Amino acid sequence: MKRRLFSGITAVAAIGLSLSAQAQEAPGVDFSGSGFLTLAAGKVVRGDAPSNFNGYSAPAFVTDYAQAGVYENNGWSIKPDSRLGLQGTATFNPQLSLTGQVVARGAKDGKANLEWAYGSYHIDDQLTFQLGRKRLPLFYYSETQDVGFSYPWVHLPSGQYGWEIVNYNGANLRYQTQWANWSSSLNIFAGSETRTDNGYWKIYNGKNTRTDSKWSNIVGADILLSRGWFETRAAYVQSDIQNTAALPPYDYTPKARQKIHSLSFSVDQQHWVVRNEYLYMDRKPIGEEDYSFLLGVGYRVGKFLPMATYNRYRMRLTPAHADPAIINPATIDPLKAEGWSILALSLRYDLTPTSAVKAQLDRWRDRNGPNFNTGAPYGNPTLLSISYDKVF
C-alpha cells in the first residue's frame, strides 16, 4: 500500500510540474498554483465485540463515505484520511482562465483523480460564468472538503458530508455583490455526474462489490451571506438518481427524483467558533428520507482551538411514499432504516499560518433499525485520530 500511495503522490506532483511548465512556456499566459496535504492516522480504540460489517472488520468507523474511507478494527491506519492535492489556474486575460485540481487519496491507495477542471469567464466585476467539472456546492465546506487545513476537525462530520456523489460536470453562473454591510454570493448550476465503482456503495453492498451511480438532470442553487463574524449559507439541489443493480444483468435502476435542502451557520467571534449545519434529503419516490444535524462549538486559546461537535444522522423509510413504477413498496422495510450519532472532541494547534496539527476522539453510537444490515451494525466504535495539515 505504501508503494501505491507513494506512486500516487508522485503522479500528482508530476502533473502539477507539467502544467506549470506548459503554462509558463505559453506566451501571454499567467500560471498560479497551490497545494494541500493531510497526513492522518487513526485507530479504533474501543467498541463492541469484533464482527463483519459487509467485509469490513468491525467495530468500523466511517470518516468519508464518498471515498470509502473506513477505519477498521485492525490497528493504526493512514489510509482513510490522508491525501495530497495540487491546484493550478492558467489566466489568459482578465476575463478568461482555466482551473484544474488533482488529488491522491490514501483511501484510493494513492490513485490520482481529477476533481476540478473548469473554465471561468468573468462577464463583469460581479458576474462569472464557469463550465466544466466542479464540486457540488451542497454544504459549508463542500468546496474545500479535501483541504484539511480549512476546517477544525481531523475529518469532516460524515453524516453531513458523506454521500455517493460529490462532483458534477456542467455549468454555473455566480453573482457577487454587496448589500449594505452584507457580502453576498448567489450561484446557480446544472449538470450531471456518473461514478463507476462507487466507494460509497461498497460500505453498504460489500467491500468487494462494484456499484455505478448516476445523478442526471442536476439543477441547483446556493446563496452565501456574510457580515463580519457571521456567515450563513443555504443550498437546494434536485436530480434524478440511479444505481446499477447488485445482481445480473447489472442494469441501472429506474430514475428516481431527489430533492436536497441544506442550511449552515458559521460564527467566528473573538475567541468563539461555532459551526452549525442541517440537511434534509427527500427521496420519497424510493420511500426514503434522510436527515442530518451537526453543531460544533469551540473556544480559541492562543494557537489552540479545542472543540466539541455533535453530528446526528437519521434515515426514514416509508413504503407509502414509494412510487411503484420505480420500486416495489413491499420490499421497503422501515426497520432497516440507518441511524447513528457521533460526539467528537477535537484539538487543533496552528504551527504556522499555513500548517496545523490536530487530535480528535470520536464516539459513534449506532441508532439503526433492528433489521439494518441484517442486524450487524457498525459496532459503536470509538476512534482516536491525529493529523498534520498544510497548504502551500
Protein backbone atom coordinates (compact mmCIF):
# COMPACT_ATOMS: atom_id res chain seq x y z
CA MET A 1 0.00 0.00 0.00
CA LYS A 2 2.83 2.43 0.87
CA ARG A 3 4.35 1.91 -2.59
CA ARG A 4 0.99 2.61 -4.30
CA LEU A 5 0.43 5.68 -2.13
CA PHE A 6 3.91 6.99 -2.99
CA SER A 7 3.22 6.38 -6.69
CA GLY A 8 0.00 8.39 -6.48
CA ILE A 9 1.73 11.29 -4.72
CA THR A 10 4.49 11.22 -7.33
CA ALA A 11 1.88 11.30 -10.11
CA VAL A 12 0.13 14.31 -8.59
CA ALA A 13 3.44 16.16 -8.26
CA ALA A 14 4.40 15.30 -11.86
CA ILE A 15 1.07 16.56 -13.20
CA GLY A 16 1.46 19.81 -11.29
CA LEU A 17 5.01 20.39 -12.56
CA SER A 18 3.97 19.57 -16.14
CA LEU A 19 1.04 22.01 -16.09
CA SER A 20 3.22 24.71 -14.55
CA ALA A 21 5.94 24.26 -17.19
CA GLN A 22 3.46 24.29 -20.08
CA ALA A 23 1.72 27.42 -18.80
CA GLN A 24 4.99 29.26 -18.23
CA GLU A 25 6.12 28.46 -21.76
CA ALA A 26 2.88 29.76 -23.29
CA PRO A 27 3.22 33.48 -24.15
CA GLY A 28 0.67 35.75 -22.52
CA VAL A 29 -0.48 33.11 -20.01
CA ASP A 30 -0.09 33.61 -16.26
CA PHE A 31 0.01 30.50 -14.11
CA SER A 32 -0.67 30.29 -10.38
CA GLY A 33 -0.60 27.13 -8.33
CA SER A 34 -1.26 25.89 -4.82
CA GLY A 35 -1.44 22.61 -2.96
CA PHE A 36 -2.60 20.93 0.20
CA LEU A 37 -1.51 17.94 2.23
CA THR A 38 -3.09 15.91 5.02
CA LEU A 39 -1.14 13.17 6.76
CA ALA A 40 -3.56 11.45 9.12
CA ALA A 41 -3.56 8.31 11.21
CA GLY A 42 -6.30 6.71 13.25
CA LYS A 43 -7.19 3.68 15.30
CA VAL A 44 -10.45 2.22 16.62
CA VAL A 45 -9.64 2.07 20.33
CA ARG A 46 -12.85 0.51 21.60
CA GLY A 47 -16.26 -0.78 20.53
CA ASP A 48 -18.47 -3.83 20.53
CA ALA A 49 -17.22 -7.37 20.03
CA PRO A 50 -15.42 -7.90 16.69
CA SER A 51 -17.74 -8.67 13.76
CA ASN A 52 -18.00 -8.46 9.99
CA PHE A 53 -19.67 -5.37 8.51
CA ASN A 54 -20.10 -6.03 4.77
CA GLY A 55 -16.50 -7.21 4.50
CA TYR A 56 -15.09 -4.56 6.86
CA SER A 57 -13.64 -5.56 10.22
CA ALA A 58 -15.97 -4.03 12.83
CA PRO A 59 -16.20 -2.10 15.01
CA ALA A 60 -15.61 0.15 11.99
CA PHE A 61 -15.62 3.95 11.83
CA VAL A 62 -16.52 5.66 8.52
CA THR A 63 -14.94 9.09 8.08
CA ASP A 64 -15.53 9.53 4.33
CA TYR A 65 -18.47 7.70 2.75
CA ALA A 66 -17.85 9.12 -0.73
CA GLN A 67 -14.33 7.64 -0.88
CA ALA A 68 -14.96 4.56 1.32
CA GLY A 69 -12.65 5.98 3.97
CA VAL A 70 -13.11 3.44 6.78
CA TYR A 71 -11.03 2.79 9.89
CA GLU A 72 -11.34 -0.92 10.64
CA ASN A 73 -10.69 -2.86 13.80
CA ASN A 74 -7.14 -3.83 12.83
CA GLY A 75 -4.80 -1.27 14.35
CA TRP A 76 -3.48 2.08 13.17
CA SER A 77 -4.12 3.13 9.57
CA ILE A 78 -3.03 6.12 7.47
CA LYS A 79 -5.31 5.34 4.52
CA PRO A 80 -8.81 6.76 5.19
CA ASP A 81 -7.98 10.47 5.61
CA SER A 82 -4.51 11.06 4.13
CA ARG A 83 -4.35 12.93 0.81
CA LEU A 84 -2.31 15.26 -1.36
CA GLY A 85 -3.76 17.75 -3.84
CA LEU A 86 -2.44 20.25 -6.37
CA GLN A 87 -4.44 23.02 -7.98
CA GLY A 88 -3.41 25.31 -10.80
CA THR A 89 -5.01 28.18 -12.71
CA ALA A 90 -3.92 29.44 -16.11
CA THR A 91 -5.09 33.00 -16.75
CA PHE A 92 -5.21 34.06 -20.40
CA ASN A 93 -6.62 37.57 -19.88
CA PRO A 94 -8.63 39.41 -17.18
CA GLN A 95 -11.80 37.64 -18.35
CA LEU A 96 -10.74 34.06 -19.13
CA SER A 97 -9.00 31.39 -17.03
CA LEU A 98 -8.75 27.60 -16.67
CA THR A 99 -8.52 25.77 -13.31
CA GLY A 100 -7.66 22.16 -12.55
CA GLN A 101 -7.15 20.12 -9.40
CA VAL A 102 -5.85 16.56 -8.89
CA VAL A 103 -5.96 14.67 -5.60
CA ALA A 104 -4.24 11.46 -4.48
CA ARG A 105 -6.00 9.72 -1.56
CA GLY A 106 -4.91 7.06 0.84
CA ALA A 107 -8.45 5.66 0.71
CA LYS A 108 -7.85 5.03 -3.01
CA ASP A 109 -4.36 3.56 -2.48
CA GLY A 110 -2.79 6.79 -3.69
CA LYS A 111 -4.55 6.87 -7.07
CA ALA A 112 -4.65 10.40 -8.52
CA ASN A 113 -8.11 11.65 -9.52
CA LEU A 114 -9.18 14.79 -11.37
CA GLU A 115 -11.53 16.67 -9.01
CA TRP A 116 -11.70 20.08 -10.71
CA ALA A 117 -11.38 21.03 -14.37
CA TYR A 118 -13.30 24.13 -15.40
CA GLY A 119 -13.06 27.36 -17.32
CA SER A 120 -14.13 30.75 -15.93
CA TYR A 121 -15.30 33.77 -17.89
CA HIS A 122 -15.70 36.98 -15.90
CA ILE A 123 -18.54 38.82 -17.57
CA ASP A 124 -18.06 41.81 -15.26
CA ASP A 125 -16.95 42.54 -11.70
CA GLN A 126 -20.00 40.77 -10.28
CA LEU A 127 -20.94 38.03 -12.73
CA THR A 128 -18.86 34.93 -13.60
CA PHE A 129 -19.75 32.01 -15.88
CA GLN A 130 -17.99 28.67 -15.35
CA LEU A 131 -18.05 25.46 -17.38
CA GLY A 132 -16.53 22.06 -16.60
CA ARG A 133 -16.06 19.77 -13.60
CA LYS A 134 -16.59 21.17 -10.10
CA ARG A 135 -17.57 20.18 -6.56
CA LEU A 136 -21.30 20.13 -5.79
CA PRO A 137 -21.81 23.18 -3.53
CA LEU A 138 -24.06 21.43 -1.02
CA PHE A 139 -22.50 22.24 2.34
CA TYR A 140 -20.42 24.86 4.13
CA TYR A 141 -17.08 23.13 3.46
CA SER A 142 -18.02 21.46 0.16
CA GLU A 143 -15.54 23.37 -1.99
CA THR A 144 -12.67 22.84 0.49
CA GLN A 145 -13.59 19.44 1.93
CA ASP A 146 -10.33 17.91 0.68
CA VAL A 147 -8.30 20.72 2.28
CA GLY A 148 -7.91 19.57 5.88
CA PHE A 149 -6.30 22.89 6.91
CA SER A 150 -9.58 24.70 6.17
CA TYR A 151 -11.62 23.12 8.99
CA PRO A 152 -11.09 22.46 12.71
CA TRP A 153 -11.50 18.66 12.69
CA VAL A 154 -9.22 15.82 11.60
CA HIS A 155 -12.07 14.74 9.29
CA LEU A 156 -15.41 16.31 8.40
CA PRO A 157 -18.57 15.06 10.19
CA SER A 158 -19.54 12.13 7.97
CA GLY A 159 -23.31 12.38 8.47
CA GLN A 160 -23.32 15.76 6.75
CA TYR A 161 -20.63 15.28 4.12
CA GLY A 162 -20.92 11.58 3.26
CA TRP A 163 -22.85 10.94 0.04
CA GLU A 164 -22.40 8.95 -3.13
CA ILE A 165 -21.89 11.93 -5.47
CA VAL A 166 -19.77 14.97 -4.59
CA ASN A 167 -18.89 16.42 -8.03
CA TYR A 168 -20.79 17.43 -11.15
CA ASN A 169 -19.97 18.14 -14.79
CA GLY A 170 -21.84 21.13 -16.14
CA ALA A 171 -22.12 24.90 -15.89
CA ASN A 172 -22.75 27.53 -13.24
CA LEU A 173 -23.34 31.26 -13.04
CA ARG A 174 -22.12 33.13 -9.95
CA TYR A 175 -23.26 36.63 -8.92
CA GLN A 176 -21.46 38.51 -6.16
CA THR A 177 -22.50 41.84 -4.68
CA GLN A 178 -22.65 43.94 -1.51
CA TRP A 179 -25.94 44.69 0.27
CA ALA A 180 -25.34 47.42 2.84
CA ASN A 181 -22.91 45.72 5.28
CA TRP A 182 -23.58 42.23 3.91
CA SER A 183 -21.42 40.46 1.33
CA SER A 184 -23.41 38.02 -0.79
CA SER A 185 -22.86 35.36 -3.43
CA LEU A 186 -25.58 33.65 -5.45
CA ASN A 187 -24.72 30.61 -7.58
CA ILE A 188 -26.98 28.62 -9.90
CA PHE A 189 -25.76 25.43 -11.59
CA ALA A 190 -26.76 22.44 -13.72
CA GLY A 191 -25.11 19.26 -14.90
CA SER A 192 -24.68 15.52 -14.26
CA GLU A 193 -22.23 13.01 -12.77
CA THR A 194 -21.53 9.28 -13.14
CA ARG A 195 -19.25 7.44 -10.71
CA THR A 196 -18.05 3.97 -11.59
CA ASP A 197 -17.17 1.52 -8.83
CA ASN A 198 -18.57 3.92 -6.25
CA GLY A 199 -16.80 3.71 -2.89
CA TYR A 200 -19.95 4.81 -1.07
CA TRP A 201 -21.85 1.67 -2.04
CA LYS A 202 -19.01 -0.65 -1.04
CA ILE A 203 -19.83 0.25 2.55
CA TYR A 204 -23.43 -0.91 2.09
CA ASN A 205 -23.21 -3.64 -0.56
CA GLY A 206 -19.87 -5.20 0.34
CA LYS A 207 -16.20 -4.25 0.33
CA ASN A 208 -15.52 -6.24 -2.84
CA THR A 209 -18.67 -5.32 -4.77
CA ARG A 210 -18.99 -2.83 -7.61
CA THR A 211 -21.83 -0.33 -7.99
CA ASP A 212 -22.02 2.51 -10.51
CA SER A 213 -24.03 5.63 -9.62
CA LYS A 214 -25.55 8.29 -11.82
CA TRP A 215 -27.06 11.67 -10.94
CA SER A 216 -28.60 13.24 -14.04
CA ASN A 217 -30.55 16.45 -14.66
CA ILE A 218 -28.84 18.14 -11.70
CA VAL A 219 -30.22 21.64 -11.07
CA GLY A 220 -29.49 23.72 -8.00
CA ALA A 221 -28.62 27.00 -6.36
CA ASP A 222 -26.76 28.16 -3.29
CA ILE A 223 -26.53 31.53 -1.58
CA LEU A 224 -23.97 32.81 0.89
CA LEU A 225 -24.43 35.86 3.13
CA SER A 226 -21.66 37.14 5.38
CA ARG A 227 -21.16 40.10 7.69
CA GLY A 228 -18.15 40.41 9.93
CA TRP A 229 -18.04 37.37 12.23
CA PHE A 230 -21.22 35.72 10.88
CA GLU A 231 -21.93 33.66 7.74
CA THR A 232 -25.00 31.76 6.63
CA ARG A 233 -25.40 29.53 3.60
CA ALA A 234 -28.38 27.78 2.03
CA ALA A 235 -28.48 25.35 -0.90
CA TYR A 236 -31.06 23.42 -2.89
CA VAL A 237 -30.29 20.64 -5.37
CA GLN A 238 -32.55 18.30 -7.29
CA SER A 239 -31.66 15.50 -9.67
CA ASP A 240 -32.59 12.06 -10.96
CA ILE A 241 -30.67 9.23 -9.26
CA GLN A 242 -29.81 5.72 -10.48
CA ASN A 243 -27.55 2.88 -9.35
CA THR A 244 -26.59 -0.33 -11.07
CA ALA A 245 -28.29 -3.42 -9.67
CA ALA A 246 -26.29 -5.76 -7.44
CA LEU A 247 -27.49 -8.82 -9.40
CA PRO A 248 -27.35 -9.67 -13.15
CA PRO A 249 -27.86 -8.12 -15.64
CA TYR A 250 -26.45 -5.18 -13.60
CA ASP A 251 -28.55 -2.58 -15.40
CA TYR A 252 -29.28 0.84 -13.94
CA THR A 253 -32.38 1.10 -11.77
CA PRO A 254 -35.22 3.35 -12.99
CA LYS A 255 -34.71 7.09 -12.49
CA ALA A 256 -35.96 8.50 -9.18
CA ARG A 257 -36.15 12.18 -8.31
CA GLN A 258 -34.40 13.51 -5.20
CA LYS A 259 -34.51 16.96 -3.59
CA ILE A 260 -31.75 18.12 -1.23
CA HIS A 261 -32.05 21.05 1.18
CA SER A 262 -29.15 22.30 3.31
CA LEU A 263 -28.61 25.22 5.67
CA SER A 264 -25.50 26.24 7.58
CA PHE A 265 -24.37 28.91 10.03
CA SER A 266 -20.81 29.90 10.93
CA VAL A 267 -19.67 32.14 13.78
CA ASP A 268 -16.11 33.37 14.42
CA GLN A 269 -16.50 35.99 17.13
CA GLN A 270 -13.37 36.85 19.09
CA HIS A 271 -12.45 33.53 20.77
CA TRP A 272 -15.67 31.68 19.96
CA VAL A 273 -16.09 29.35 16.95
CA VAL A 274 -19.47 27.81 16.08
CA ARG A 275 -20.37 25.54 13.14
CA ASN A 276 -24.00 24.53 12.64
CA GLU A 277 -25.44 22.63 9.63
CA TYR A 278 -28.73 20.99 8.67
CA LEU A 279 -29.57 18.58 5.86
CA TYR A 280 -32.85 17.18 4.57
CA MET A 281 -32.78 14.79 1.61
CA ASP A 282 -36.14 13.93 0.03
CA ARG A 283 -36.01 10.62 -1.83
CA LYS A 284 -39.67 9.79 -1.39
CA PRO A 285 -40.05 8.08 -4.82
CA ILE A 286 -37.91 5.25 -3.37
CA GLY A 287 -39.53 5.57 0.07
CA GLU A 288 -36.53 7.25 1.74
CA GLU A 289 -35.84 10.48 3.62
CA ASP A 290 -32.52 11.46 5.22
CA TYR A 291 -31.82 13.97 7.97
CA SER A 292 -28.53 15.23 9.40
CA PHE A 293 -27.71 17.84 12.03
CA LEU A 294 -24.36 19.00 13.35
CA LEU A 295 -23.31 21.53 15.94
CA GLY A 296 -19.73 22.31 16.85
CA VAL A 297 -18.61 24.81 19.50
CA GLY A 298 -15.00 25.81 20.12
CA TYR A 299 -13.02 28.43 22.02
CA ARG A 300 -9.63 29.68 20.81
CA VAL A 301 -6.83 29.98 23.33
CA GLY A 302 -3.82 31.42 21.54
CA LYS A 303 -2.91 28.96 18.78
CA PHE A 304 -5.11 26.22 20.27
CA LEU A 305 -8.69 25.51 19.27
CA PRO A 306 -10.45 22.89 21.42
CA MET A 307 -13.90 21.97 20.08
CA ALA A 308 -16.85 19.72 20.85
CA THR A 309 -19.03 18.60 17.92
CA TYR A 310 -22.23 16.56 17.77
CA ASN A 311 -23.47 15.02 14.50
CA ARG A 312 -26.75 13.08 14.24
CA TYR A 313 -27.84 11.20 11.11
CA ARG A 314 -31.25 9.58 10.69
CA MET A 315 -32.93 7.75 7.80
CA ARG A 316 -36.67 7.28 7.47
CA LEU A 317 -38.11 4.53 5.25
CA THR A 318 -41.80 4.85 4.33
CA PRO A 319 -43.32 2.35 1.86
CA ALA A 320 -46.43 4.52 1.44
CA HIS A 321 -44.35 7.28 -0.20
CA ALA A 322 -42.69 5.00 -2.76
CA ASP A 323 -43.53 5.09 -6.46
CA PRO A 324 -44.48 1.53 -7.54
CA ALA A 325 -43.16 2.28 -11.04
CA ILE A 326 -39.67 2.70 -9.52
CA ILE A 327 -39.60 0.29 -6.58
CA ASN A 328 -41.93 -2.30 -5.09
CA PRO A 329 -43.18 -0.76 -1.80
CA ALA A 330 -43.41 -4.26 -0.30
CA THR A 331 -39.60 -4.52 -0.43
CA ILE A 332 -39.17 -1.45 1.82
CA ASP A 333 -38.74 -2.36 5.48
CA PRO A 334 -38.95 0.64 7.86
CA LEU A 335 -36.98 -1.39 10.41
CA LYS A 336 -33.97 -1.39 8.07
CA ALA A 337 -33.50 2.37 8.44
CA GLU A 338 -29.99 3.54 9.26
CA GLY A 339 -29.19 5.95 12.06
CA TRP A 340 -26.29 6.96 14.30
CA SER A 341 -24.75 9.83 16.23
CA ILE A 342 -21.15 10.98 16.76
CA LEU A 343 -19.75 13.05 19.60
CA ALA A 344 -16.30 14.40 18.70
CA LEU A 345 -13.74 16.14 20.90
CA SER A 346 -11.03 17.79 18.82
CA LEU A 347 -7.98 19.95 19.42
CA ARG A 348 -6.24 21.99 16.73
CA TYR A 349 -2.88 23.74 17.10
CA ASP A 350 -1.70 26.14 14.41
CA LEU A 351 2.00 25.56 13.84
CA THR A 352 2.31 28.34 11.24
CA PRO A 353 -0.13 30.43 9.20
CA THR A 354 -0.16 27.55 6.66
CA SER A 355 0.08 24.40 8.79
CA ALA A 356 -1.64 22.79 11.76
CA VAL A 357 -1.70 19.60 13.81
CA LYS A 358 -4.90 18.10 15.20
CA ALA A 359 -6.04 15.35 17.53
CA GLN A 360 -9.58 14.02 17.77
CA LEU A 361 -11.59 11.47 19.71
CA ASP A 362 -14.89 10.37 18.11
CA ARG A 363 -17.54 8.30 19.87
CA TRP A 364 -20.01 6.69 17.43
CA ARG A 365 -23.33 5.32 18.67
CA ASP A 366 -25.47 3.05 16.46
CA ARG A 367 -29.14 4.06 16.33
CA ASN A 368 -30.12 1.78 13.45
CA GLY A 369 -33.35 -0.08 12.99
CA PRO A 370 -33.17 -3.70 14.21
CA ASN A 371 -33.07 -5.03 10.61
CA PHE A 372 -30.40 -2.63 9.31
CA ASN A 373 -27.61 -4.56 7.54
CA THR A 374 -29.24 -7.83 8.66
CA GLY A 375 -28.71 -6.81 12.28
CA ALA A 376 -24.93 -6.23 12.06
CA PRO A 377 -24.29 -2.53 12.90
CA TYR A 378 -21.08 -0.51 12.80
CA GLY A 379 -20.21 -1.72 16.30
CA ASN A 380 -20.32 1.51 18.35
CA PRO A 381 -16.67 2.38 17.62
CA THR A 382 -14.55 4.99 19.37
CA LEU A 383 -11.85 6.43 17.09
CA LEU A 384 -8.64 8.20 18.03
CA SER A 385 -7.07 10.13 15.15
CA ILE A 386 -4.30 12.66 14.58
CA SER A 387 -3.28 14.72 11.55
CA TYR A 388 -0.82 17.17 10.09
CA ASP A 389 -2.38 19.59 7.59
CA LYS A 390 -0.59 22.03 5.33
CA VAL A 391 -1.38 24.34 2.41
CA PHE A 392 1.32 25.57 0.08
